Amino acid sequence: MKIYKMKDYEQMSRKAAGIILAQVISRPDSVLGLATGSTPIGLYDQLVKWYESGDLDFKEVKTVNLDEYRGLTRENDQSYYYFMHQHLFHRVNICPENVHLPDGMAEDGEAECRRYEALIDSLGGADLQLLGIGHNGHIGFNEPDRYFAKETHCVKLQESTIEANKRFFASAEEVPRYAYTMGIGTIMKARKILIVANGAGKAEIVKKAFFGPVTPEVPASILQMHPDVTLVGDEEALALI
């Protein structure tokens, strides 16, 4: 594992974006696994700046997103489809047909999980998978559990995750209780993994995930077993390592 401790959120975002820039320059038709949440917003803003300056071209890039809330339409401003288009897809020259997310409105949840897993396989898997880390160690929506989920599945969100995400909604009651997410096995198939973390609130879980035992009770800990992981964090998030 490579670890970069950056001074602040801005430097963290630029460093992580630079890793994605290098991936796309070296392979213009890269498959990027993308994440949502507040942490990668600065990273996406930096990618857009490089696109606008002519340093980055998304024309051949394909993307697969980690997750999506179940029960939210794509037009809902809290859906991850909406988030990705607002922060990246509508701002660069990526082809709409190359953008992939789980369908939060699919009637048959099990069929949607199979469809999305097969789609990822058909693209050859992610060349680079971007991840954040939850306060309880979740990656994607893979919550602490008794085992590592292998493939794309529908998960019931834990109260700690609902509490963390309620700031994006009018109230905690409006936060969806279920979400589709890539499984741990799906994530681990990515050829490279880039994980970003910022803020003092992530310091304890970063230490636990990357310097503690590998256990499904801390889903991110499985990344210790991946051959090519890069952690980029600010000083606060990496203060305990």
C-alpha atoms as a PDB file:
ATOM      1  CA  MET A   1       0.000   0.000   0.000  1.00  0.00           C
ATOM      2  CA  LYS A   2       1.183   3.496  -0.890  1.00  0.00           C
ATOM      3  CA  ILE A   3       0.193   6.279   1.511  1.00  0.00           C
ATOM      4  CA  TYR A   4       0.303  10.004   0.776  1.00  0.00           C
ATOM      5  CA  LYS A   5      -0.277  12.398   3.667  1.00  0.00           C
ATOM      6  CA  MET A   6      -1.222  15.784   2.247  1.00  0.00           C
ATOM      7  CA  LYS A   7      -1.493  19.066   4.135  1.00  0.00           C
ATOM      8  CA  ASP A   8      -5.200  19.717   3.623  1.00  0.00           C
ATOM      9  CA  TYR A   9      -8.311  18.815   1.636  1.00  0.00           C
ATOM     10  CA  GLU A  10      -7.273  20.850  -1.412  1.00  0.00           C
ATOM     11  CA  GLN A  11      -3.887  19.148  -1.672  1.00  0.00           C
ATOM     12  CA  MET A  12      -5.450  15.748  -1.027  1.00  0.00           C
ATOM     13  CA  SER A  13      -7.945  16.324  -3.829  1.00  0.00           C
ATOM     14  CA  ARG A  14      -5.265  17.440  -6.281  1.00  0.00           C
ATOM     15  CA  LYS A  15      -3.002  14.485  -5.462  1.00  0.00           C
ATOM     16  CA  ALA A  16      -5.809  11.943  -5.864  1.00  0.00           C
ATOM     17  CA  ALA A  17      -6.997  13.599  -9.067  1.00  0.00           C
ATOM     18  CA  GLY A  18      -3.451  13.386 -10.392  1.00  0.00           C
ATOM     19  CA  ILE A  19      -3.487   9.622  -9.950  1.00  0.00           C
ATOM     20  CA  ILE A  20      -6.666   9.407 -12.019  1.00  0.00           C
ATOM     21  CA  LEU A  21      -5.176  11.797 -14.589  1.00  0.00           C
ATOM     22  CA  ALA A  22      -2.147   9.538 -14.967  1.00  0.00           C
ATOM     23  CA  GLN A  23      -4.395   6.496 -15.376  1.00  0.00           C
ATOM     24  CA  VAL A  24      -6.432   8.082 -18.179  1.00  0.00           C
ATOM     25  CA  ILE A  25      -3.380   9.475 -19.980  1.00  0.00           C
ATOM     26  CA  SER A  26      -1.688   6.066 -19.910  1.00  0.00           C
ATOM     27  CA  ARG A  27      -4.877   4.309 -21.015  1.00  0.00           C
ATOM     28  CA  PRO A  28      -7.448   6.642 -22.619  1.00  0.00           C
ATOM     29  CA  ASP A  29     -10.151   3.939 -22.636  1.00  0.00           C
ATOM     30  CA  SER A  30      -9.778   3.185 -18.924  1.00  0.00           C
ATOM     31  CA  VAL A  31     -12.683   1.825 -16.902  1.00  0.00           C
ATOM     32  CA  LEU A  32     -12.949   4.018 -13.816  1.00  0.00           C
ATOM     33  CA  GLY A  33     -14.878   2.882 -10.761  1.00  0.00           C
ATOM     34  CA  LEU A  34     -16.247   6.045  -9.174  1.00  0.00           C
ATOM     35  CA  ALA A  35     -17.536   7.011  -5.737  1.00  0.00           C
ATOM     36  CA  THR A  36     -19.861   9.654  -4.337  1.00  0.00           C
ATOM     37  CA  GLY A  37     -20.025  11.553  -1.050  1.00  0.00           C
ATOM     38  CA  SER A  38     -18.433  14.794   0.079  1.00  0.00           C
ATOM     39  CA  THR A  39     -14.812  13.595   0.035  1.00  0.00           C
ATOM     40  CA  PRO A  40     -14.339  13.176  -3.760  1.00  0.00           C
ATOM     41  CA  ILE A  41     -16.024  16.456  -4.755  1.00  0.00           C
ATOM     42  CA  GLY A  42     -12.734  18.376  -4.753  1.00  0.00           C
ATOM     43  CA  LEU A  43     -11.123  15.604  -6.763  1.00  0.00           C
ATOM     44  CA  TYR A  44     -13.865  15.823  -9.407  1.00  0.00           C
ATOM     45  CA  ASP A  45     -13.538  19.615  -9.517  1.00  0.00           C
ATOM     46  CA  GLN A  46      -9.814  19.227 -10.218  1.00  0.00           C
ATOM     47  CA  LEU A  47     -10.466  16.719 -13.006  1.00  0.00           C
ATOM     48  CA  VAL A  48     -12.890  19.196 -14.581  1.00  0.00           C
ATOM     49  CA  LYS A  49     -10.231  21.941 -14.438  1.00  0.00           C
ATOM     50  CA  TRP A  50      -7.757  19.713 -16.246  1.00  0.00           C
ATOM     51  CA  TYR A  51     -10.403  18.841 -18.840  1.00  0.00           C
ATOM     52  CA  GLU A  52     -11.157  22.536 -19.394  1.00  0.00           C
ATOM     53  CA  SER A  53      -7.454  23.301 -19.818  1.00  0.00           C
ATOM     54  CA  GLY A  54      -7.081  20.523 -22.388  1.00  0.00           C
ATOM     55  CA  ASP A  55      -4.976  18.244 -20.187  1.00  0.00           C
ATOM     56  CA  LEU A  56      -7.586  15.511 -19.803  1.00  0.00           C
ATOM     57  CA  ASP A  57      -9.903  13.822 -22.300  1.00  0.00           C
ATOM     58  CA  PHE A  58     -12.829  11.624 -21.206  1.00  0.00           C
ATOM     59  CA  LYS A  59     -13.965  10.718 -24.726  1.00  0.00           C
ATOM     60  CA  GLU A  60     -13.019   7.041 -24.435  1.00  0.00           C
ATOM     61  CA  VAL A  61     -13.353   6.629 -20.657  1.00  0.00           C
ATOM     62  CA  LYS A  62     -15.965   4.269 -19.253  1.00  0.00           C
ATOM     63  CA  THR A  63     -17.249   4.474 -15.688  1.00  0.00           C
ATOM     64  CA  VAL A  64     -19.014   2.201 -13.221  1.00  0.00           C
ATOM     65  CA  ASN A  65     -20.271   3.677  -9.983  1.00  0.00           C
ATOM     66  CA  LEU A  66     -19.962   1.948  -6.652  1.00  0.00           C
ATOM     67  CA  ASP A  67     -23.537   2.284  -5.540  1.00  0.00           C
ATOM     68  CA  GLU A  68     -26.976   3.873  -5.746  1.00  0.00           C
ATOM     69  CA  TYR A  69     -29.854   4.343  -3.336  1.00  0.00           C
ATOM     70  CA  ARG A  70     -32.788   2.035  -3.891  1.00  0.00           C
ATOM     71  CA  GLY A  71     -36.051   3.848  -4.500  1.00  0.00           C
ATOM     72  CA  LEU A  72     -34.689   7.183  -5.772  1.00  0.00           C
ATOM     73  CA  THR A  73     -35.295   8.257  -9.344  1.00  0.00           C
ATOM     74  CA  ARG A  74     -32.392   9.535 -11.406  1.00  0.00           C
ATOM     75  CA  GLU A  75     -33.968  12.998 -11.307  1.00  0.00           C
ATOM     76  CA  ASN A  76     -33.945  13.052  -7.503  1.00  0.00           C
ATOM     77  CA  ASP A  77     -31.243  15.472  -6.420  1.00  0.00           C
ATOM     78  CA  GLN A  78     -30.048  13.006  -3.774  1.00  0.00           C
ATOM     79  CA  SER A  79     -29.577  10.107  -6.182  1.00  0.00           C
ATOM     80  CA  TYR A  80     -26.025   9.216  -7.033  1.00  0.00           C
ATOM     81  CA  TYR A  81     -26.895   9.422 -10.726  1.00  0.00           C
ATOM     82  CA  TYR A  82     -27.750  13.093 -10.160  1.00  0.00           C
ATOM     83  CA  PHE A  83     -24.627  13.627  -8.024  1.00  0.00           C
ATOM     84  CA  MET A  84     -22.266  12.223 -10.636  1.00  0.00           C
ATOM     85  CA  HIS A  85     -23.781  14.251 -13.456  1.00  0.00           C
ATOM     86  CA  GLN A  86     -23.721  17.433 -11.387  1.00  0.00           C
ATOM     87  CA  HIS A  87     -20.118  17.060 -10.220  1.00  0.00           C
ATOM     88  CA  LEU A  88     -18.474  15.385 -13.226  1.00  0.00           C
ATOM     89  CA  PHE A  89     -20.369  13.888 -16.161  1.00  0.00           C
ATOM     90  CA  HIS A  90     -22.187  17.052 -17.317  1.00  0.00           C
ATOM     91  CA  ARG A  91     -18.936  19.021 -17.042  1.00  0.00           C
ATOM     92  CA  VAL A  92     -16.660  16.895 -19.240  1.00  0.00           C
ATOM     93  CA  ASN A  93     -16.823  15.167 -22.629  1.00  0.00           C
ATOM     94  CA  ILE A  94     -17.635  11.662 -21.415  1.00  0.00           C
ATOM     95  CA  CYS A  95     -20.020   9.748 -23.677  1.00  0.00           C
ATOM     96  CA  PRO A  96     -23.400   9.150 -21.969  1.00  0.00           C
ATOM     97  CA  GLU A  97     -23.430   5.522 -23.100  1.00  0.00           C
ATOM     98  CA  ASN A  98     -20.147   4.953 -21.241  1.00  0.00           C
ATOM     99  CA  VAL A  99     -21.604   5.978 -17.866  1.00  0.00           C
ATOM    100  CA  HIS A 100     -23.000   3.182 -15.693  1.00  0.00           C
ATOM    101  CA  LEU A 101     -24.751   3.134 -12.315  1.00  0.00           C
ATOM    102  CA  PRO A 102     -27.154   0.700 -10.649  1.00  0.00           C
ATOM    103  CA  ASP A 103     -30.797   1.471 -11.413  1.00  0.00           C
ATOM    104  CA  GLY A 104     -32.330   2.590  -8.127  1.00  0.00           C
ATOM    105  CA  MET A 105     -35.853   2.164  -9.510  1.00  0.00           C
ATOM    106  CA  ALA A 106     -35.454  -1.408 -10.762  1.00  0.00           C
ATOM    107  CA  GLU A 107     -38.510  -3.468  -9.795  1.00  0.00           C
ATOM    108  CA  ASP A 108     -36.574  -6.705  -9.361  1.00  0.00           C
ATOM    109  CA  GLY A 109     -33.688  -6.031  -7.010  1.00  0.00           C
ATOM    110  CA  GLU A 110     -31.987  -9.388  -7.435  1.00  0.00           C
ATOM    111  CA  ALA A 111     -32.156  -9.116 -11.213  1.00  0.00           C
ATOM    112  CA  GLU A 112     -30.674  -5.613 -11.057  1.00  0.00           C
ATOM    113  CA  CYS A 113     -27.762  -6.874  -8.970  1.00  0.00           C
ATOM    114  CA  ARG A 114     -27.070  -9.632 -11.486  1.00  0.00           C
ATOM    115  CA  ARG A 115     -27.339  -7.176 -14.381  1.00  0.00           C
ATOM    116  CA  TYR A 116     -24.887  -4.725 -12.853  1.00  0.00           C
ATOM    117  CA  GLU A 117     -22.369  -7.389 -11.898  1.00  0.00           C
ATOM    118  CA  ALA A 118     -22.515  -8.803 -15.431  1.00  0.00           C
ATOM    119  CA  LEU A 119     -22.063  -5.300 -16.865  1.00  0.00           C
ATOM    120  CA  ILE A 120     -18.906  -4.726 -14.825  1.00  0.00           C
ATOM    121  CA  ASP A 121     -17.570  -8.101 -15.958  1.00  0.00           C
ATOM    122  CA  SER A 122     -18.362  -7.265 -19.583  1.00  0.00           C
ATOM    123  CA  LEU A 123     -16.192  -4.146 -19.322  1.00  0.00           C
ATOM    124  CA  GLY A 124     -13.317  -6.210 -17.953  1.00  0.00           C
ATOM    125  CA  GLY A 125     -13.639  -4.785 -14.451  1.00  0.00           C
ATOM    126  CA  ALA A 126     -12.320  -1.462 -13.193  1.00  0.00           C
ATOM    127  CA  ASP A 127      -8.799  -0.399 -14.082  1.00  0.00           C
ATOM    128  CA  LEU A 128      -8.908   2.005 -11.152  1.00  0.00           C
ATOM    129  CA  GLN A 129     -11.508   2.018  -8.378  1.00  0.00           C
ATOM    130  CA  LEU A 130     -11.994   5.184  -6.350  1.00  0.00           C
ATOM    131  CA  LEU A 131     -13.231   4.720  -2.773  1.00  0.00           C
ATOM    132  CA  GLY A 132     -14.060   6.774   0.256  1.00  0.00           C
ATOM    133  CA  ILE A 133     -14.323   5.264   3.725  1.00  0.00           C
ATOM    134  CA  GLY A 134     -17.254   5.507   6.105  1.00  0.00           C
ATOM    135  CA  HIS A 135     -16.932   6.174   9.818  1.00  0.00           C
ATOM    136  CA  ASN A 136     -17.771   2.516  10.455  1.00  0.00           C
ATOM    137  CA  GLY A 137     -15.324   1.310   7.810  1.00  0.00           C
ATOM    138  CA  HIS A 138     -17.819   0.765   5.031  1.00  0.00           C
ATOM    139  CA  ILE A 139     -16.678   0.999   1.416  1.00  0.00           C
ATOM    140  CA  GLY A 140     -19.434   1.523  -1.075  1.00  0.00           C
ATOM    141  CA  PHE A 141     -22.409   0.506   1.036  1.00  0.00           C
ATOM    142  CA  ASN A 142     -20.747  -2.659   2.301  1.00  0.00           C
ATOM    143  CA  GLU A 143     -21.595  -2.332   5.978  1.00  0.00           C
ATOM    144  CA  PRO A 144     -19.870  -4.142   8.875  1.00  0.00           C
ATOM    145  CA  ASP A 145     -21.012  -7.752   8.788  1.00  0.00           C
ATOM    146  CA  ARG A 146     -20.080 -11.329   9.631  1.00  0.00           C
ATOM    147  CA  TYR A 147     -18.691 -11.952   6.135  1.00  0.00           C
ATOM    148  CA  PHE A 148     -17.400 -10.100   3.082  1.00  0.00           C
ATOM    149  CA  ALA A 149     -20.094  -9.842   0.408  1.00  0.00           C
ATOM    150  CA  LYS A 150     -18.698 -10.990  -2.919  1.00  0.00           C
ATOM    151  CA  GLU A 151     -20.866  -9.444  -5.629  1.00  0.00           C
ATOM    152  CA  THR A 152     -23.234  -6.550  -6.269  1.00  0.00           C
ATOM    153  CA  HIS A 153     -26.091  -6.763  -3.786  1.00  0.00           C
ATOM    154  CA  CYS A 154     -28.834  -4.773  -2.090  1.00  0.00           C
ATOM    155  CA  VAL A 155     -27.982  -3.859   1.493  1.00  0.00           C
ATOM    156  CA  LYS A 156     -29.951  -2.486   4.425  1.00  0.00           C
ATOM    157  CA  LEU A 157     -28.135   0.594   5.651  1.00  0.00           C
ATOM    158  CA  GLN A 158     -27.022   0.772   9.259  1.00  0.00           C
ATOM    159  CA  GLU A 159     -28.190   3.596  11.493  1.00  0.00           C
ATOM    160  CA  SER A 160     -24.673   5.070  11.599  1.00  0.00           C
ATOM    161  CA  THR A 161     -24.673   5.366   7.795  1.00  0.00           C
ATOM    162  CA  ILE A 162     -28.171   6.865   7.770  1.00  0.00           C
ATOM    163  CA  GLU A 163     -27.052   9.344  10.434  1.00  0.00           C
ATOM    164  CA  ALA A 164     -23.950  10.288   8.411  1.00  0.00           C
ATOM    165  CA  ASN A 165     -25.981  10.797   5.222  1.00  0.00           C
ATOM    166  CA  LYS A 166     -28.964  12.636   6.686  1.00  0.00           C
ATOM    167  CA  ARG A 167     -27.207  15.986   6.180  1.00  0.00           C
ATOM    168  CA  PHE A 168     -27.933  15.621   2.472  1.00  0.00           C
ATOM    169  CA  PHE A 169     -31.690  15.190   3.090  1.00  0.00           C
ATOM    170  CA  ALA A 170     -34.396  17.278   4.753  1.00  0.00           C
ATOM    171  CA  SER A 171     -34.497  14.765   7.606  1.00  0.00           C
ATOM    172  CA  ALA A 172     -33.189  11.336   8.605  1.00  0.00           C
ATOM    173  CA  GLU A 173     -36.597   9.873   7.751  1.00  0.00           C
ATOM    174  CA  GLU A 174     -36.040  10.752   4.086  1.00  0.00           C
ATOM    175  CA  VAL A 175     -32.754   8.846   3.812  1.00  0.00           C
ATOM    176  CA  PRO A 176     -33.388   5.590   1.902  1.00  0.00           C
ATOM    177  CA  ARG A 177     -32.978   2.465   4.012  1.00  0.00           C
ATOM    178  CA  TYR A 178     -31.630   0.312   1.194  1.00  0.00           C
ATOM    179  CA  ALA A 179     -28.990   0.719  -1.494  1.00  0.00           C
ATOM    180  CA  TYR A 180     -27.377  -1.239  -4.291  1.00  0.00           C
ATOM    181  CA  THR A 181     -23.627  -1.600  -3.965  1.00  0.00           C
ATOM    182  CA  MET A 182     -20.720  -3.377  -5.571  1.00  0.00           C
ATOM    183  CA  GLY A 183     -19.663  -6.256  -3.362  1.00  0.00           C
ATOM    184  CA  ILE A 184     -16.288  -6.512  -1.686  1.00  0.00           C
ATOM    185  CA  GLY A 185     -15.316  -9.186  -4.205  1.00  0.00           C
ATOM    186  CA  THR A 186     -16.247  -6.872  -7.084  1.00  0.00           C
ATOM    187  CA  ILE A 187     -14.187  -4.034  -5.612  1.00  0.00           C
ATOM    188  CA  MET A 188     -11.199  -6.303  -5.028  1.00  0.00           C
ATOM    189  CA  LYS A 189     -11.170  -7.289  -8.715  1.00  0.00           C
ATOM    190  CA  ALA A 190     -10.150  -3.743  -9.666  1.00  0.00           C
ATOM    191  CA  ARG A 191      -6.573  -3.592 -10.896  1.00  0.00           C
ATOM    192  CA  LYS A 192      -5.823  -0.470  -8.844  1.00  0.00           C
ATOM    193  CA  ILE A 193      -7.628   1.010  -5.860  1.00  0.00           C
ATOM    194  CA  LEU A 194      -7.455   4.655  -4.815  1.00  0.00           C
ATOM    195  CA  ILE A 195      -8.949   5.540  -1.432  1.00  0.00           C
ATOM    196  CA  VAL A 196      -9.375   9.089  -0.179  1.00  0.00           C
ATOM    197  CA  ALA A 197     -10.003  10.282   3.381  1.00  0.00           C
ATOM    198  CA  ASN A 198     -10.170  13.703   4.983  1.00  0.00           C
ATOM    199  CA  GLY A 199     -10.901  15.216   8.356  1.00  0.00           C
ATOM    200  CA  ALA A 200     -10.180  14.293  11.952  1.00  0.00           C
ATOM    201  CA  GLY A 201     -13.378  12.268  12.097  1.00  0.00           C
ATOM    202  CA  LYS A 202     -11.818   9.629   9.829  1.00  0.00           C
ATOM    203  CA  ALA A 203      -8.530   9.245  11.738  1.00  0.00           C
ATOM    204  CA  GLU A 204      -9.608   6.401  14.001  1.00  0.00           C
ATOM    205  CA  ILE A 205     -11.218   4.300  11.259  1.00  0.00           C
ATOM    206  CA  VAL A 206      -8.255   4.832   8.913  1.00  0.00           C
ATOM    207  CA  LYS A 207      -5.940   3.442  11.582  1.00  0.00           C
ATOM    208  CA  LYS A 208      -8.317   0.561  12.321  1.00  0.00           C
ATOM    209  CA  ALA A 209      -8.890  -0.327   8.672  1.00  0.00           C
ATOM    210  CA  PHE A 210      -5.313  -0.258   7.438  1.00  0.00           C
ATOM    211  CA  PHE A 211      -3.307  -1.158  10.529  1.00  0.00           C
ATOM    212  CA  GLY A 212      -5.716  -3.433  12.373  1.00  0.00           C
ATOM    213  CA  PRO A 213      -6.904  -6.988  11.704  1.00  0.00           C
ATOM    214  CA  VAL A 214      -8.634  -7.882   8.431  1.00  0.00           C
ATOM    215  CA  THR A 215     -12.249  -8.480   9.406  1.00  0.00           C
ATOM    216  CA  PRO A 216     -15.682  -8.067   7.804  1.00  0.00           C
ATOM    217  CA  GLU A 217     -16.594  -6.008  10.863  1.00  0.00           C
ATOM    218  CA  VAL A 218     -14.358  -3.343   9.275  1.00  0.00           C
ATOM    219  CA  PRO A 219     -15.073  -3.825   5.554  1.00  0.00           C
ATOM    220  CA  ALA A 220     -12.267  -1.523   4.359  1.00  0.00           C
ATOM    221  CA  SER A 221      -9.712  -3.712   6.133  1.00  0.00           C
ATOM    222  CA  ILE A 222      -9.900  -6.185   3.226  1.00  0.00           C
ATOM    223  CA  LEU A 223      -7.986  -3.635   1.155  1.00  0.00           C
ATOM    224  CA  GLN A 224      -4.864  -4.696   3.042  1.00  0.00           C
ATOM    225  CA  MET A 225      -5.025  -7.839   0.892  1.00  0.00           C
ATOM    226  CA  HIS A 226      -5.106  -6.002  -2.467  1.00  0.00           C
ATOM    227  CA  PRO A 227      -1.798  -5.766  -4.391  1.00  0.00           C
ATOM    228  CA  ASP A 228      -2.160  -2.145  -5.587  1.00  0.00           C
ATOM    229  CA  VAL A 229      -3.812   0.265  -3.140  1.00  0.00           C
ATOM    230  CA  THR A 230      -3.058   3.964  -2.744  1.00  0.00           C
ATOM    231  CA  LEU A 231      -4.380   5.907   0.243  1.00  0.00           C
ATOM    232  CA  VAL A 232      -4.440   9.687  -0.065  1.00  0.00           C
ATOM    233  CA  GLY A 233      -5.496  11.654   2.985  1.00  0.00           C
ATOM    234  CA  ASP A 234      -5.073  14.991   4.657  1.00  0.00           C
ATOM    235  CA  GLU A 235      -3.028  15.417   7.828  1.00  0.00           C
ATOM    236  CA  GLU A 236      -6.077  15.150  10.074  1.00  0.00           C
ATOM    237  CA  ALA A 237      -7.364  11.891   8.592  1.00  0.00           C
ATOM    238  CA  LEU A 238      -3.906  10.303   8.690  1.00  0.00           C
ATOM    239  CA  ALA A 239      -2.901  11.718  12.078  1.00  0.00           C
ATOM    240  CA  LEU A 240      -2.899   8.332  13.842  1.00  0.00           C
ATOM    241  CA  ILE A 241      -0.795   6.403  11.320  1.00  0.00           C
END
